Amino acid sequence: MSTRLTTHPILGTYEKGPKVNFTYDGKPMTGYEGEPIAMALKAAGVMVHRYTSKKHSPRGIFCAIGRCTDCVMIVDGQPNVRTCMTPLKAGMTVQTQYGVSAEPFPELEEKA
């Protein structure tokens, strides 16, 4: 069982909303409406949110308060969304970000 935050240092007190469905890289997922997208992903075991454009290094949650860009992902077609600060909504499409794209780098596709 995963533990979820009830208070966020920037967003304040969080009240768990109803369970909602969303997709992550085409896979169906569930989370609680209003919780940060990053929290729902972490609870599902997702650790990598993006790959850097220069070295193609994996990144995930680092600061969790919107100051860095390690948690940015493509959300509903919009790149560079800070998932630690963006509330989850039903039906969202969340994708791993590769540089500024949803297209994996060729060498990462070979490893999959």
Protein backbone atom coordinates (compact mmCIF):
# COMPACT_ATOMS: atom_id res chain seq x y z
CA MET A 1 0.00 0.00 0.00
CA SER A 2 1.43 3.37 -0.95
CA THR A 3 1.35 6.41 1.28
CA ARG A 4 0.18 9.71 -0.15
CA LEU A 5 0.83 13.23 1.05
CA THR A 6 -1.90 15.15 2.85
CA THR A 7 -0.01 18.45 2.95
CA HIS A 8 2.17 20.01 0.26
CA PRO A 9 4.64 22.80 1.15
CA ILE A 10 3.41 25.01 -1.71
CA LEU A 11 -0.10 23.75 -2.51
CA GLY A 12 -1.15 23.51 1.15
CA THR A 13 -3.53 20.96 2.63
CA TYR A 14 -4.74 18.44 0.13
CA GLU A 15 -8.12 16.74 0.37
CA LYS A 16 -8.30 13.46 -1.49
CA GLY A 17 -10.87 13.64 -4.26
CA PRO A 18 -12.62 10.74 -5.97
CA LYS A 19 -10.58 8.09 -7.76
CA VAL A 20 -10.17 8.97 -11.45
CA ASN A 21 -8.73 7.32 -14.54
CA PHE A 22 -5.92 8.77 -16.66
CA THR A 23 -3.33 7.40 -19.06
CA TYR A 24 0.43 7.32 -18.69
CA ASP A 25 2.32 6.52 -21.90
CA GLY A 26 -0.84 4.89 -23.22
CA LYS A 27 -1.38 2.69 -20.14
CA PRO A 28 -4.50 3.12 -18.00
CA MET A 29 -3.81 4.41 -14.49
CA THR A 30 -5.81 5.63 -11.53
CA GLY A 31 -5.21 8.36 -8.99
CA TYR A 32 -7.17 10.77 -6.86
CA GLU A 33 -8.62 13.89 -8.41
CA GLY A 34 -6.76 17.00 -7.29
CA GLU A 35 -3.59 15.28 -6.11
CA PRO A 36 -0.43 16.28 -7.99
CA ILE A 37 0.09 14.13 -11.09
CA ALA A 38 3.55 13.22 -9.75
CA MET A 39 1.96 11.78 -6.59
CA ALA A 40 -0.35 9.51 -8.58
CA LEU A 41 2.57 8.34 -10.72
CA LYS A 42 4.82 7.73 -7.71
CA ALA A 43 2.07 5.69 -6.03
CA ALA A 44 1.91 3.57 -9.21
CA GLY A 45 5.68 3.01 -9.15
CA VAL A 46 6.61 5.43 -11.95
CA MET A 47 10.00 6.94 -11.16
CA VAL A 48 11.11 8.44 -14.52
CA HIS A 49 9.21 11.48 -15.81
CA ARG A 50 11.55 12.72 -18.50
CA TYR A 51 14.89 12.24 -20.24
CA THR A 52 17.26 15.18 -20.70
CA SER A 53 17.77 16.45 -24.24
CA LYS A 54 21.57 16.60 -24.13
CA LYS A 55 22.65 13.39 -22.36
CA HIS A 56 19.32 11.52 -22.42
CA SER A 57 19.55 10.99 -18.67
CA PRO A 58 16.43 9.93 -16.76
CA ARG A 59 14.88 12.39 -14.31
CA GLY A 60 12.05 12.11 -11.80
CA ILE A 61 10.75 13.95 -8.76
CA PHE A 62 13.48 16.05 -7.15
CA CYS A 63 12.23 19.15 -5.34
CA ALA A 64 8.46 18.49 -5.55
CA ILE A 65 7.70 22.21 -5.10
CA GLY A 66 7.91 23.49 -8.68
CA ARG A 67 11.40 25.02 -8.47
CA CYS A 68 13.29 22.55 -10.67
CA THR A 69 12.22 20.91 -13.93
CA ASP A 70 12.98 17.27 -13.18
CA CYS A 71 9.31 16.27 -13.03
CA VAL A 72 8.20 17.91 -16.28
CA MET A 73 6.13 15.75 -18.61
CA ILE A 74 3.79 16.15 -21.53
CA VAL A 75 0.26 16.54 -20.18
CA ASP A 76 -2.68 16.64 -22.59
CA GLY A 77 -0.25 17.46 -25.42
CA GLN A 78 1.48 20.32 -23.56
CA PRO A 79 5.22 19.79 -22.90
CA ASN A 80 7.11 21.03 -19.83
CA VAL A 81 4.24 20.65 -17.36
CA ARG A 82 5.51 20.48 -13.76
CA THR A 83 3.70 17.38 -12.55
CA CYS A 84 4.56 18.03 -8.90
CA MET A 85 2.34 21.13 -9.01
CA THR A 86 -0.36 20.14 -11.52
CA PRO A 87 -3.56 18.62 -10.11
CA LEU A 88 -4.73 15.34 -11.59
CA LYS A 89 -8.03 15.41 -13.49
CA ALA A 90 -10.07 12.57 -14.94
CA GLY A 91 -9.10 11.62 -18.47
CA MET A 92 -5.68 13.31 -18.54
CA THR A 93 -3.08 12.01 -20.96
CA VAL A 94 0.37 12.01 -19.36
CA GLN A 95 3.48 11.12 -21.37
CA THR A 96 7.16 10.73 -20.61
CA GLN A 97 9.06 13.68 -22.05
CA TYR A 98 12.17 13.12 -24.21
CA GLY A 99 13.88 16.50 -24.50
CA VAL A 100 10.72 18.45 -25.39
CA SER A 101 9.01 15.61 -27.27
CA ALA A 102 6.94 12.51 -26.56
CA GLU A 103 9.08 10.57 -29.08
CA PRO A 104 11.70 8.38 -27.35
CA PHE A 105 15.32 8.82 -28.31
CA PRO A 106 16.42 5.95 -30.64
CA GLU A 107 18.89 4.45 -28.15
CA LEU A 108 16.19 4.36 -25.46
CA GLU A 109 13.76 2.55 -27.78
CA GLU A 110 16.37 -0.17 -28.35
CA LYS A 111 16.60 -0.84 -24.57
CA ALA A 112 12.82 -1.19 -24.16
